[in-house]
């Protein structure tokens, strides 16, 4: 019960941010579609249609890499503190 009082608006804030991001992305996508249609270049059209998937993929990669980087940094600092403490004992 104490934990729920720590972040009382966390869920509603997350939902509001997701809705705003979705609306903003849809608006941006419609403007990009018009721009790509005016240019009439196939490569630009493919990029305009594929950028949301690239952003989702980049987010997933960051989601996986971040905890792995924390783990390696934590183990490196643990090794360093062990080596440092070993030097003082000698």
C-alpha atoms as a PDB file:
ATOM      1  CA  UNK A   1       0.000   0.000   0.000  1.00  0.00           C
ATOM      2  CA  UNK A   2       2.904   2.333   0.713  1.00  0.00           C
ATOM      3  CA  UNK A   3       4.311   1.812  -2.774  1.00  0.00           C
ATOM      4  CA  UNK A   4       1.074   2.927  -4.428  1.00  0.00           C
ATOM      5  CA  UNK A   5       1.266   6.294  -2.627  1.00  0.00           C
ATOM      6  CA  UNK A   6       4.807   6.857  -3.879  1.00  0.00           C
ATOM      7  CA  UNK A   7       3.681   7.290  -7.520  1.00  0.00           C
ATOM      8  CA  UNK A   8      -0.053   8.037  -7.376  1.00  0.00           C
ATOM      9  CA  UNK A   9      -0.333   9.310 -10.979  1.00  0.00           C
ATOM     10  CA  UNK A  10       2.140   6.988 -12.655  1.00  0.00           C
ATOM     11  CA  UNK A  11      -0.374   4.860 -14.588  1.00  0.00           C
ATOM     12  CA  UNK A  12      -2.515   7.757 -15.772  1.00  0.00           C
ATOM     13  CA  UNK A  13       0.574   9.733 -16.800  1.00  0.00           C
ATOM     14  CA  UNK A  14       1.853   6.786 -18.810  1.00  0.00           C
ATOM     15  CA  UNK A  15      -1.488   6.354 -20.572  1.00  0.00           C
ATOM     16  CA  UNK A  16      -1.681  10.077 -21.341  1.00  0.00           C
ATOM     17  CA  UNK A  17       1.865  10.056 -22.727  1.00  0.00           C
ATOM     18  CA  UNK A  18       1.082   7.022 -24.904  1.00  0.00           C
ATOM     19  CA  UNK A  19      -2.066   8.678 -26.280  1.00  0.00           C
ATOM     20  CA  UNK A  20      -0.219  11.920 -27.016  1.00  0.00           C
ATOM     21  CA  UNK A  21       2.611  10.023 -28.687  1.00  0.00           C
ATOM     22  CA  UNK A  22       0.130   8.082 -30.815  1.00  0.00           C
ATOM     23  CA  UNK A  23      -1.728  11.202 -31.912  1.00  0.00           C
ATOM     24  CA  UNK A  24       1.517  13.028 -32.649  1.00  0.00           C
ATOM     25  CA  UNK A  25       2.884  10.099 -34.621  1.00  0.00           C
ATOM     26  CA  UNK A  26      -0.310   9.767 -36.662  1.00  0.00           C
ATOM     27  CA  UNK A  27      -0.266  13.481 -37.456  1.00  0.00           C
ATOM     28  CA  UNK A  28       3.402  13.390 -38.414  1.00  0.00           C
ATOM     29  CA  UNK A  29       2.848  10.283 -40.555  1.00  0.00           C
ATOM     30  CA  UNK A  30       0.017  11.925 -42.505  1.00  0.00           C
ATOM     31  CA  UNK A  31       2.201  14.958 -43.243  1.00  0.00           C
ATOM     32  CA  UNK A  32       5.073  12.719 -44.319  1.00  0.00           C
ATOM     33  CA  UNK A  33       2.750  10.775 -46.613  1.00  0.00           C
ATOM     34  CA  UNK A  34       1.701  13.974 -48.364  1.00  0.00           C
ATOM     35  CA  UNK A  35       5.321  15.059 -48.714  1.00  0.00           C
ATOM     36  CA  UNK A  36       6.376  11.665 -50.114  1.00  0.00           C
ATOM     37  CA  UNK A  37       3.459  11.690 -52.564  1.00  0.00           C
ATOM     38  CA  UNK A  38       4.530  15.103 -53.850  1.00  0.00           C
ATOM     39  CA  UNK A  39       8.150  13.984 -54.304  1.00  0.00           C
ATOM     40  CA  UNK A  40       7.137  10.748 -56.050  1.00  0.00           C
ATOM     41  CA  UNK A  41      10.473   9.038 -55.293  1.00  0.00           C
ATOM     42  CA  UNK A  42      10.094   5.344 -54.421  1.00  0.00           C
ATOM     43  CA  UNK A  43      12.971   5.283 -51.911  1.00  0.00           C
ATOM     44  CA  UNK A  44      11.513   8.221 -49.967  1.00  0.00           C
ATOM     45  CA  UNK A  45       8.078   6.594 -49.977  1.00  0.00           C
ATOM     46  CA  UNK A  46       9.533   3.388 -48.528  1.00  0.00           C
ATOM     47  CA  UNK A  47      11.348   5.320 -45.799  1.00  0.00           C
ATOM     48  CA  UNK A  48       8.235   7.319 -44.955  1.00  0.00           C
ATOM     49  CA  UNK A  49       6.192   4.148 -44.579  1.00  0.00           C
ATOM     50  CA  UNK A  50       8.893   2.251 -42.702  1.00  0.00           C
ATOM     51  CA  UNK A  51      10.131   4.736 -40.116  1.00  0.00           C
ATOM     52  CA  UNK A  52       7.667   3.727 -37.362  1.00  0.00           C
ATOM     53  CA  UNK A  53       8.896   0.131 -37.573  1.00  0.00           C
ATOM     54  CA  UNK A  54      12.512   1.318 -37.425  1.00  0.00           C
ATOM     55  CA  UNK A  55      11.733   3.374 -34.307  1.00  0.00           C
ATOM     56  CA  UNK A  56      10.021   0.400 -32.642  1.00  0.00           C
ATOM     57  CA  UNK A  57      13.002  -1.802 -33.462  1.00  0.00           C
ATOM     58  CA  UNK A  58      15.455   0.801 -32.117  1.00  0.00           C
ATOM     59  CA  UNK A  59      13.422   1.049 -28.917  1.00  0.00           C
ATOM     60  CA  UNK A  60      13.490  -2.712 -28.457  1.00  0.00           C
ATOM     61  CA  UNK A  61      17.251  -2.793 -29.016  1.00  0.00           C
ATOM     62  CA  UNK A  62      17.742  -0.066 -26.401  1.00  0.00           C
ATOM     63  CA  UNK A  63      15.430  -1.921 -24.034  1.00  0.00           C
ATOM     64  CA  UNK A  64      17.620  -5.008 -24.295  1.00  0.00           C
ATOM     65  CA  UNK A  65      21.009  -3.237 -24.318  1.00  0.00           C
ATOM     66  CA  UNK A  66      20.402  -0.953 -21.327  1.00  0.00           C
ATOM     67  CA  UNK A  67      20.073  -3.680 -18.636  1.00  0.00           C
ATOM     68  CA  UNK A  68      23.035  -5.555 -20.128  1.00  0.00           C
ATOM     69  CA  UNK A  69      25.190  -2.414 -19.950  1.00  0.00           C
ATOM     70  CA  UNK A  70      24.144  -1.834 -16.335  1.00  0.00           C
ATOM     71  CA  UNK A  71      25.066  -5.405 -15.438  1.00  0.00           C
ATOM     72  CA  UNK A  72      28.507  -5.134 -17.047  1.00  0.00           C
ATOM     73  CA  UNK A  73      29.162  -1.753 -15.394  1.00  0.00           C
ATOM     74  CA  UNK A  74      28.100  -3.149 -12.027  1.00  0.00           C
ATOM     75  CA  UNK A  75      30.363  -6.181 -12.379  1.00  0.00           C
ATOM     76  CA  UNK A  76      33.273  -3.974 -13.498  1.00  0.00           C
ATOM     77  CA  UNK A  77      32.853  -1.699 -10.488  1.00  0.00           C
ATOM     78  CA  UNK A  78      32.610  -4.743  -8.200  1.00  0.00           C
ATOM     79  CA  UNK A  79      35.831  -6.128  -9.672  1.00  0.00           C
ATOM     80  CA  UNK A  80      37.513  -2.744  -9.290  1.00  0.00           C
ATOM     81  CA  UNK A  81      36.476  -2.409  -5.655  1.00  0.00           C
ATOM     82  CA  UNK A  82      37.684  -5.955  -4.965  1.00  0.00           C
ATOM     83  CA  UNK A  83      41.040  -5.226  -6.579  1.00  0.00           C
ATOM     84  CA  UNK A  84      41.342  -1.927  -4.730  1.00  0.00           C
ATOM     85  CA  UNK A  85      40.524  -3.514  -1.399  1.00  0.00           C
ATOM     86  CA  UNK A  86      43.092  -6.227  -2.139  1.00  0.00           C
ATOM     87  CA  UNK A  87      45.788  -3.593  -2.702  1.00  0.00           C
ATOM     88  CA  UNK A  88      45.117  -1.993   0.667  1.00  0.00           C
ATOM     89  CA  UNK A  89      45.383  -5.316   2.497  1.00  0.00           C
ATOM     90  CA  UNK A  90      48.892  -6.043   1.210  1.00  0.00           C
END
